[in-house]
Amino acid sequence: MDKFYFIGIDVSKKKLDICVMYGSKVLIEEQVTNSTKGVTQAIKHIKKELDITNDMFIICAEHTGQYTYPLICATKAIDCKLWLENPTQIKYSCGMTRGKNDKVDARRIATYAFRFFDKMKCYTRPSEAIIQLNQLQAERSMYVTDLAKYKAILTDQPDFIPKDIYIQKAKRIKVLMASLQQAISALEKKMNEIISTSEMLSRQMSLLTSIDGIGRVIAMNMIIATEAFTRFENARQFCCYAGVAPFSYTSGSSLRSQNRVSLRADKSIKSLLHLAAVAIAHRKDGELKEYFLRKVEEGKNKMTVINAIRAKLVSRMFSVINLKSAVKFSTTLK
């Protein structure tokens, strides 16, 4: 790691704070606009001033969603290494801290990259199809949430406001609901078009929906969350990500807690898995229904069994994808 530099970047909506470190020594600190052009110029300036090549530095930043997009585009254009880390991971690695500002955060990110260089994971941008699906799904989720809110208003308010006011209000809300439903349908049509134009995504969708209890909505979200099953190595990793895997909480002889899932999770995918598991538990028959009844009769807590069903669904989705991929690879070798 001779002559290797660590560039920590704190990302915000309008600007980026940059800290360049060599070992534990701070060499450069500057601030640039959060745009592809601004980031590109800043990286080129750093390379020129320190007389370094792309193989001599790593850029580390917190993964803050859409605000990292200009940084991703700039690093791709320059063809340099980018490490996007979970903000919580960086926060808890700093130990006890006091005070906070963007300049200090950039320095802490650079320090994190230096200390944990052996755990570096270079960012690989998903395919354009996955990026488009992710954006469309986020928009769809927003509209679905709004639609549910308006439906609740129509259901809850008739008995609590004057009838004539409610009638006028209901008319306006129904217009909004119709507009939202139209937008949701258009988004779903576009997403299905993207899936159908990709052989791999179309095959994965077909395999996932063939699993008992998995519909198109869950299948779509699984493809997006796993980046077409390339982001996670196995089902256990995804269960941790989705907040489905139980962990033990014990310490010495004083703390003896039951195993429970972590609150750090992707709540959206966890909610979808929960709805699927609850639907299975309310069925009249089926393999997983029989499993649910058997475990409840054994004295297991119902929510514990529901969580086990969520994990089984995840395991089956990963299994069917990995099995078909292995068969396809074996056939190709022959």
Protein backbone atom coordinates (compact mmCIF):
# COMPACT_ATOMS: atom_id res chain seq x y z
CA MET A 1 0.00 0.00 0.00
CA ASP A 2 2.97 2.31 -0.69
CA LYS A 3 2.00 5.76 -1.90
CA PHE A 4 -1.70 5.10 -1.61
CA TYR A 5 -4.12 7.94 -0.92
CA PHE A 6 -7.57 7.92 0.67
CA ILE A 7 -10.18 10.45 -0.43
CA GLY A 8 -13.13 10.87 1.91
CA ILE A 9 -16.19 12.66 0.55
CA ASP A 10 -19.13 13.87 2.62
CA VAL A 11 -22.15 14.09 0.31
CA SER A 12 -24.96 16.58 0.78
CA LYS A 13 -27.63 17.92 -1.54
CA LYS A 14 -25.76 20.91 -2.98
CA LYS A 15 -22.09 20.36 -2.14
CA LEU A 16 -19.39 17.81 -1.44
CA ASP A 17 -16.71 18.16 1.22
CA ILE A 18 -13.48 16.42 0.19
CA CYS A 19 -10.60 15.29 2.40
CA VAL A 20 -7.47 13.67 0.96
CA MET A 21 -5.30 11.69 3.36
CA TYR A 22 -1.99 9.90 3.02
CA GLY A 23 -1.78 7.52 5.95
CA SER A 24 -3.07 9.56 8.89
CA LYS A 25 -1.93 12.91 7.44
CA VAL A 26 -4.45 15.30 5.86
CA LEU A 27 -3.12 16.72 2.58
CA ILE A 28 -6.06 18.47 0.94
CA GLU A 29 -9.44 19.72 2.15
CA GLU A 30 -11.84 21.45 -0.20
CA GLN A 31 -15.50 21.89 -1.07
CA VAL A 32 -17.13 21.54 -4.49
CA THR A 33 -20.64 21.65 -5.92
CA ASN A 34 -22.51 18.36 -6.05
CA SER A 35 -22.51 17.97 -9.81
CA THR A 36 -20.79 15.59 -12.20
CA LYS A 37 -18.73 18.44 -13.65
CA GLY A 38 -17.71 19.74 -10.22
CA VAL A 39 -16.66 16.31 -8.94
CA THR A 40 -14.77 15.49 -12.15
CA GLN A 41 -12.79 18.74 -12.01
CA ALA A 42 -12.01 18.24 -8.32
CA ILE A 43 -10.67 14.70 -8.84
CA LYS A 44 -8.56 15.79 -11.82
CA HIS A 45 -7.17 18.69 -9.76
CA ILE A 46 -6.23 16.32 -6.90
CA LYS A 47 -4.56 13.89 -9.30
CA LYS A 48 -2.55 16.70 -10.89
CA GLU A 49 -1.51 18.32 -7.60
CA LEU A 50 -0.38 15.05 -6.00
CA ASP A 51 0.90 13.57 -9.28
CA ILE A 52 -1.01 10.30 -8.85
CA THR A 53 -2.82 7.84 -11.11
CA ASN A 54 -6.15 6.07 -10.65
CA ASP A 55 -4.40 3.03 -9.12
CA MET A 56 -2.98 5.13 -6.30
CA PHE A 57 -6.18 6.26 -4.55
CA ILE A 58 -9.64 5.19 -3.47
CA ILE A 59 -12.67 7.46 -3.06
CA CYS A 60 -14.87 6.59 -0.10
CA ALA A 61 -18.29 8.11 0.57
CA GLU A 62 -21.48 7.32 2.43
CA HIS A 63 -24.25 5.81 0.33
CA THR A 64 -26.90 8.53 0.65
CA GLY A 65 -29.21 7.50 -2.18
CA GLN A 66 -29.85 9.83 -5.10
CA TYR A 67 -27.42 12.51 -3.88
CA THR A 68 -24.48 10.21 -4.74
CA TYR A 69 -25.53 10.04 -8.41
CA PRO A 70 -23.17 12.83 -9.66
CA LEU A 71 -20.28 11.20 -7.77
CA ILE A 72 -21.03 7.82 -9.33
CA CYS A 73 -21.17 9.34 -12.82
CA ALA A 74 -17.91 11.27 -12.28
CA THR A 75 -15.94 8.26 -11.01
CA LYS A 76 -17.23 6.16 -13.88
CA ALA A 77 -16.15 8.81 -16.41
CA ILE A 78 -12.67 9.02 -14.88
CA ASP A 79 -12.54 5.24 -14.34
CA CYS A 80 -11.37 5.40 -10.71
CA LYS A 81 -12.29 3.25 -7.71
CA LEU A 82 -15.34 4.23 -5.65
CA TRP A 83 -16.25 2.76 -2.29
CA LEU A 84 -19.82 3.51 -1.13
CA GLU A 85 -20.25 2.48 2.50
CA ASN A 86 -23.27 2.23 4.78
CA PRO A 87 -23.42 5.48 6.84
CA THR A 88 -24.17 3.51 10.02
CA GLN A 89 -21.05 1.42 9.51
CA ILE A 90 -18.89 4.55 9.36
CA LYS A 91 -20.68 6.18 12.29
CA TYR A 92 -20.13 3.30 14.71
CA SER A 93 -16.51 2.80 13.62
CA CYS A 94 -15.55 6.28 14.84
CA GLY A 95 -16.01 5.49 18.52
CA MET A 96 -17.07 8.27 20.86
CA THR A 97 -17.27 11.56 18.96
CA ARG A 98 -18.21 15.13 19.79
CA GLY A 99 -19.39 17.75 17.36
CA LYS A 100 -20.31 17.35 13.73
CA ASN A 101 -19.91 19.28 10.51
CA ASP A 102 -19.37 18.36 6.87
CA LYS A 103 -15.62 19.05 6.93
CA VAL A 104 -15.11 16.82 9.97
CA ASP A 105 -17.33 14.12 8.42
CA ALA A 106 -15.20 14.05 5.26
CA ARG A 107 -12.10 13.58 7.40
CA ARG A 108 -13.77 10.77 9.36
CA ILE A 109 -14.75 9.02 6.12
CA ALA A 110 -11.18 9.23 4.83
CA THR A 111 -9.93 7.87 8.18
CA TYR A 112 -12.44 5.02 7.93
CA ALA A 113 -11.17 4.13 4.45
CA PHE A 114 -7.59 4.09 5.75
CA ARG A 115 -8.38 1.94 8.79
CA PHE A 116 -10.64 -0.56 7.04
CA PHE A 117 -8.96 -0.70 3.65
CA ASP A 118 -8.88 -4.50 3.86
CA LYS A 119 -12.71 -4.51 3.87
CA MET A 120 -13.03 -2.28 0.82
CA LYS A 121 -15.78 -3.13 -1.65
CA CYS A 122 -15.57 -1.21 -4.90
CA TYR A 123 -18.93 0.03 -6.08
CA THR A 124 -20.31 -1.64 -9.17
CA ARG A 125 -23.11 0.25 -10.83
CA PRO A 126 -26.20 -1.88 -11.53
CA SER A 127 -27.44 -2.38 -15.07
CA GLU A 128 -29.53 0.37 -16.65
CA ALA A 129 -32.61 -1.87 -16.46
CA ILE A 130 -32.22 -2.27 -12.68
CA ILE A 131 -31.65 1.47 -12.23
CA GLN A 132 -34.80 2.27 -14.20
CA LEU A 133 -36.82 -0.32 -12.27
CA ASN A 134 -35.56 1.11 -8.98
CA GLN A 135 -36.62 4.64 -9.89
CA LEU A 136 -40.02 3.53 -11.19
CA GLN A 137 -40.66 1.35 -8.13
CA ALA A 138 -39.83 4.25 -5.78
CA GLU A 139 -42.32 6.44 -7.66
CA ARG A 140 -44.95 3.68 -7.59
CA SER A 141 -44.52 3.21 -3.82
CA MET A 142 -45.09 6.94 -3.30
CA TYR A 143 -48.34 6.85 -5.26
CA VAL A 144 -49.53 3.66 -3.53
CA THR A 145 -48.96 5.31 -0.13
CA ASP A 146 -50.94 8.38 -1.18
CA LEU A 147 -53.73 6.21 -2.58
CA ALA A 148 -54.03 4.31 0.70
CA LYS A 149 -54.18 7.61 2.59
CA TYR A 150 -57.07 8.87 0.45
CA LYS A 151 -58.93 5.57 0.78
CA ALA A 152 -58.63 5.83 4.56
CA ILE A 153 -60.06 9.36 4.50
CA LEU A 154 -63.12 8.20 2.54
CA THR A 155 -63.67 5.34 4.98
CA ASP A 156 -63.04 7.14 8.27
CA GLN A 157 -64.62 10.58 7.90
CA PRO A 158 -68.29 10.13 6.85
CA ASP A 159 -69.55 10.00 10.44
CA PHE A 160 -67.46 12.86 11.76
CA ILE A 161 -68.05 15.79 9.40
CA PRO A 162 -71.24 17.35 7.94
CA LYS A 163 -72.70 15.26 5.12
CA ASP A 164 -72.69 18.01 2.50
CA ILE A 165 -69.01 18.82 3.19
CA TYR A 166 -68.11 15.12 3.03
CA ILE A 167 -69.86 14.66 -0.34
CA GLN A 168 -67.92 17.53 -1.92
CA LYS A 169 -64.69 16.37 -0.33
CA ALA A 170 -65.25 12.79 -1.51
CA LYS A 171 -65.72 13.97 -5.10
CA ARG A 172 -62.39 15.78 -5.07
CA ILE A 173 -60.61 12.86 -3.43
CA LYS A 174 -62.03 10.37 -5.94
CA VAL A 175 -60.64 12.48 -8.79
CA LEU A 176 -57.21 12.35 -7.16
CA MET A 177 -57.55 8.60 -6.57
CA ALA A 178 -58.44 7.97 -10.19
CA SER A 179 -55.41 9.98 -11.27
CA LEU A 180 -53.15 8.02 -8.90
CA GLN A 181 -54.53 4.68 -10.08
CA GLN A 182 -53.90 5.70 -13.67
CA ALA A 183 -50.32 6.70 -12.83
CA ILE A 184 -49.73 3.42 -10.96
CA SER A 185 -51.03 1.41 -13.91
CA ALA A 186 -48.76 3.33 -16.30
CA LEU A 187 -45.74 2.69 -14.07
CA GLU A 188 -46.52 -1.02 -13.77
CA LYS A 189 -46.88 -1.27 -17.55
CA LYS A 190 -43.50 0.42 -18.04
CA MET A 191 -41.83 -1.85 -15.48
CA ASN A 192 -43.26 -4.95 -17.13
CA GLU A 193 -41.94 -3.71 -20.47
CA ILE A 194 -38.45 -3.36 -19.02
CA ILE A 195 -38.66 -6.87 -17.56
CA SER A 196 -39.90 -8.39 -20.81
CA THR A 197 -37.12 -6.81 -22.90
CA SER A 198 -34.42 -8.43 -20.74
CA GLU A 199 -34.04 -12.19 -21.11
CA MET A 200 -32.40 -12.57 -17.69
CA LEU A 201 -34.93 -10.42 -15.81
CA SER A 202 -37.85 -12.06 -17.59
CA ARG A 203 -36.53 -15.51 -16.65
CA GLN A 204 -36.04 -14.48 -13.02
CA MET A 205 -39.54 -13.03 -12.84
CA SER A 206 -40.98 -16.27 -14.21
CA LEU A 207 -39.00 -18.39 -11.73
CA LEU A 208 -39.90 -16.25 -8.71
CA THR A 209 -43.62 -16.12 -9.47
CA SER A 210 -43.64 -19.92 -9.81
CA ILE A 211 -42.97 -20.15 -6.05
CA ASP A 212 -46.04 -20.64 -3.89
CA GLY A 213 -46.86 -17.35 -2.13
CA ILE A 214 -44.76 -15.08 -4.38
CA GLY A 215 -46.58 -12.64 -6.66
CA ARG A 216 -45.31 -10.12 -9.20
CA VAL A 217 -44.96 -7.27 -6.68
CA ILE A 218 -42.69 -9.24 -4.34
CA ALA A 219 -40.78 -10.71 -7.28
CA MET A 220 -40.22 -7.24 -8.75
CA ASN A 221 -39.01 -5.85 -5.43
CA MET A 222 -36.69 -8.81 -4.90
CA ILE A 223 -35.11 -8.34 -8.32
CA ILE A 224 -34.56 -4.64 -7.59
CA ALA A 225 -33.30 -5.10 -4.00
CA THR A 226 -30.86 -7.86 -4.96
CA GLU A 227 -29.90 -6.18 -8.27
CA ALA A 228 -30.98 -9.28 -10.17
CA PHE A 229 -29.58 -11.56 -7.44
CA THR A 230 -26.00 -10.28 -7.78
CA ARG A 231 -25.79 -8.11 -4.66
CA PHE A 232 -26.04 -10.87 -2.03
CA GLU A 233 -24.11 -14.12 -1.94
CA ASN A 234 -26.81 -16.19 -0.25
CA ALA A 235 -30.26 -16.13 1.32
CA ARG A 236 -28.87 -15.67 4.84
CA GLN A 237 -27.22 -12.37 3.88
CA PHE A 238 -30.48 -11.11 2.40
CA CYS A 239 -32.44 -12.22 5.46
CA CYS A 240 -30.10 -10.05 7.57
CA TYR A 241 -30.61 -7.15 5.16
CA ALA A 242 -34.39 -7.54 5.24
CA GLY A 243 -34.58 -7.91 9.03
CA VAL A 244 -35.80 -11.50 8.92
CA ALA A 245 -32.80 -13.35 10.40
CA PRO A 246 -33.04 -13.79 14.21
CA PHE A 247 -30.04 -13.06 16.44
CA SER A 248 -29.30 -14.04 20.04
CA TYR A 249 -28.87 -11.37 22.73
CA THR A 250 -26.96 -12.73 25.73
CA SER A 251 -24.27 -11.40 28.05
CA GLY A 252 -22.77 -13.31 30.97
CA SER A 253 -25.38 -14.64 33.36
CA SER A 254 -27.55 -11.52 33.64
CA LEU A 255 -28.85 -11.08 30.10
CA ARG A 256 -30.80 -13.95 28.61
CA SER A 257 -33.13 -12.70 25.90
CA GLN A 258 -35.01 -14.69 23.30
CA ASN A 259 -33.64 -14.58 19.78
CA ARG A 260 -35.11 -11.66 17.88
CA VAL A 261 -34.71 -9.88 14.57
CA SER A 262 -32.80 -6.62 14.24
CA LEU A 263 -34.53 -3.29 13.70
CA ARG A 264 -31.88 -2.39 11.13
CA ALA A 265 -33.61 -3.62 8.00
CA ASP A 266 -35.10 -2.73 4.65
CA LYS A 267 -38.59 -2.10 5.99
CA SER A 268 -40.28 -2.05 2.57
CA ILE A 269 -39.15 -5.54 1.51
CA LYS A 270 -39.74 -6.85 5.03
CA SER A 271 -43.31 -5.57 4.91
CA LEU A 272 -43.95 -7.33 1.60
CA LEU A 273 -42.52 -10.61 2.91
CA HIS A 274 -44.68 -10.25 6.02
CA LEU A 275 -47.84 -9.76 3.97
CA ALA A 276 -47.01 -12.86 1.93
CA ALA A 277 -46.38 -14.91 5.09
CA VAL A 278 -49.63 -13.73 6.72
CA ALA A 279 -51.57 -14.57 3.54
CA ILE A 280 -50.10 -18.08 3.65
CA ALA A 281 -51.06 -18.45 7.32
CA HIS A 282 -54.69 -17.60 6.48
CA ARG A 283 -55.00 -20.09 3.63
CA LYS A 284 -57.05 -23.26 3.82
CA ASP A 285 -54.26 -25.55 2.64
CA GLY A 286 -50.74 -25.69 1.23
CA GLU A 287 -47.33 -26.92 2.34
CA LEU A 288 -46.41 -23.74 4.22
CA LYS A 289 -49.90 -23.59 5.77
CA GLU A 290 -49.34 -27.09 7.14
CA TYR A 291 -45.96 -25.98 8.45
CA PHE A 292 -47.59 -22.99 10.19
CA LEU A 293 -50.28 -25.14 11.85
CA ARG A 294 -47.76 -27.80 12.94
CA LYS A 295 -45.43 -25.28 14.58
CA VAL A 296 -48.28 -23.47 16.35
CA GLU A 297 -49.57 -26.80 17.71
CA GLU A 298 -46.04 -27.47 19.02
CA GLY A 299 -46.37 -24.32 21.12
CA LYS A 300 -44.35 -21.91 18.96
CA ASN A 301 -45.26 -18.23 19.04
CA LYS A 302 -47.30 -17.32 15.94
CA MET A 303 -45.10 -14.34 15.04
CA THR A 304 -42.01 -16.54 15.33
CA VAL A 305 -43.56 -18.98 12.86
CA ILE A 306 -44.57 -16.11 10.55
CA ASN A 307 -40.95 -14.92 10.56
CA ALA A 308 -39.78 -18.46 9.78
CA ILE A 309 -42.11 -18.49 6.77
CA ARG A 310 -40.65 -15.17 5.61
CA ALA A 311 -37.17 -16.71 5.78
CA LYS A 312 -38.37 -19.82 3.93
CA LEU A 313 -39.76 -17.65 1.11
CA VAL A 314 -36.42 -15.84 0.79
CA SER A 315 -34.55 -19.14 0.83
CA ARG A 316 -36.77 -20.58 -1.90
CA MET A 317 -36.35 -17.51 -4.09
CA PHE A 318 -32.55 -17.67 -3.85
CA SER A 319 -32.58 -21.44 -4.35
CA VAL A 320 -34.65 -21.39 -7.53
CA ILE A 321 -32.52 -18.61 -9.05
CA ASN A 322 -29.19 -20.19 -8.08
CA LEU A 323 -30.29 -23.67 -9.16
CA LYS A 324 -31.37 -22.52 -12.62
CA SER A 325 -28.20 -20.45 -12.99
CA ALA A 326 -26.07 -23.47 -12.05
CA VAL A 327 -27.94 -25.69 -14.53
CA LYS A 328 -27.53 -23.10 -17.29
CA PHE A 329 -23.79 -22.75 -16.52
CA SER A 330 -23.35 -26.54 -16.55
CA THR A 331 -25.13 -26.79 -19.89
CA THR A 332 -22.92 -24.06 -21.33
CA LEU A 333 -19.77 -25.93 -20.28
CA LYS A 334 -20.96 -29.06 -22.06
